[in-house]
Amino acid sequence: MREVKIREEMIRLGQFLKLADLVETGGDVKPLLADGQVRVNDDVETRRGRQLARGDVVTVGGQSARVG
C-alpha cells in the first residue's frame, strides 16, 4: 500500500483519487462511486466530497492508498 502525502489536514475523496493516481481523470470518479467500486476504510463510499484525514485508506480496483 502506498502512502500519499497531503499538505492540508483534510482532502476530498475526488481530489485524493486523482492525487494518488487511482483514477486518470476527474471524470472517472463519478462512475466508480456510482458503481460502489470505491472503499474508504473498507466501507463503500459514494460521496465524491467525502472528507479524508490522515490515516484513511482508499481502495479502488484492488489498489490501495493511505492518506499521509
Protein backbone atom coordinates (compact mmCIF):
# COMPACT_ATOMS: atom_id res chain seq x y z
CA MET A 1 0.00 0.00 0.00
CA ARG A 2 1.27 3.43 -0.95
CA GLU A 3 1.13 6.43 1.34
CA VAL A 4 0.22 9.68 -0.39
CA LYS A 5 1.18 12.84 1.48
CA ILE A 6 -1.23 15.75 1.61
CA ARG A 7 -0.48 19.37 2.57
CA GLU A 8 -3.67 20.19 4.44
CA GLU A 9 -5.33 18.35 7.33
CA MET A 10 -8.17 17.09 5.11
CA ILE A 11 -8.69 16.31 1.41
CA ARG A 12 -11.81 15.46 -0.56
CA LEU A 13 -12.13 11.95 -1.91
CA GLY A 14 -12.36 13.05 -5.56
CA GLN A 15 -9.15 15.06 -5.22
CA PHE A 16 -7.34 12.25 -3.42
CA LEU A 17 -8.25 9.68 -6.06
CA LYS A 18 -6.53 11.84 -8.69
CA LEU A 19 -3.57 12.72 -6.45
CA ALA A 20 -2.96 9.05 -5.64
CA ASP A 21 -3.26 8.04 -9.33
CA LEU A 22 -6.15 5.72 -8.54
CA VAL A 23 -8.04 7.35 -11.44
CA GLU A 24 -6.70 9.01 -14.57
CA THR A 25 -9.14 11.92 -14.76
CA GLY A 26 -11.74 13.58 -12.58
CA GLY A 27 -14.39 12.29 -14.96
CA ASP A 28 -13.51 8.73 -13.97
CA VAL A 29 -14.51 9.31 -10.34
CA LYS A 30 -18.29 9.63 -10.62
CA PRO A 31 -18.94 6.26 -12.37
CA LEU A 32 -16.69 4.42 -9.91
CA LEU A 33 -18.54 5.93 -6.97
CA ALA A 34 -21.94 5.20 -8.52
CA ASP A 35 -20.95 1.55 -9.05
CA GLY A 36 -19.77 1.15 -5.44
CA GLN A 37 -16.19 0.48 -6.53
CA VAL A 38 -14.58 2.93 -4.10
CA ARG A 39 -13.94 1.94 -0.49
CA VAL A 40 -12.77 4.15 2.35
CA ASN A 41 -11.52 2.21 5.37
CA ASP A 42 -13.24 -0.92 3.94
CA ASP A 43 -16.65 0.80 3.65
CA VAL A 44 -18.22 1.51 0.26
CA GLU A 45 -18.26 5.27 -0.36
CA THR A 46 -20.48 7.06 -2.88
CA ARG A 47 -19.76 10.71 -1.99
CA ARG A 48 -17.13 12.45 -4.11
CA GLY A 49 -16.84 15.21 -1.50
CA ARG A 50 -16.19 12.88 1.44
CA GLN A 51 -13.52 14.44 3.63
CA LEU A 52 -10.48 12.24 4.22
CA ALA A 53 -7.98 12.65 7.03
CA ARG A 54 -4.51 11.27 7.54
CA GLY A 55 -4.60 7.52 8.10
CA ASP A 56 -7.68 6.88 5.94
CA VAL A 57 -7.24 4.11 3.37
CA VAL A 58 -8.87 4.38 -0.06
CA THR A 59 -9.20 1.31 -2.29
CA VAL A 60 -10.24 1.18 -5.95
CA GLY A 61 -9.93 -1.89 -8.15
CA GLY A 62 -7.59 -3.72 -5.82
CA GLN A 63 -5.22 -0.75 -5.46
CA SER A 64 -4.99 1.00 -2.11
CA ALA A 65 -3.51 4.27 -0.92
CA ARG A 66 -3.27 5.71 2.59
CA VAL A 67 -3.68 9.42 3.25
CA GLY A 68 -0.43 10.60 4.78
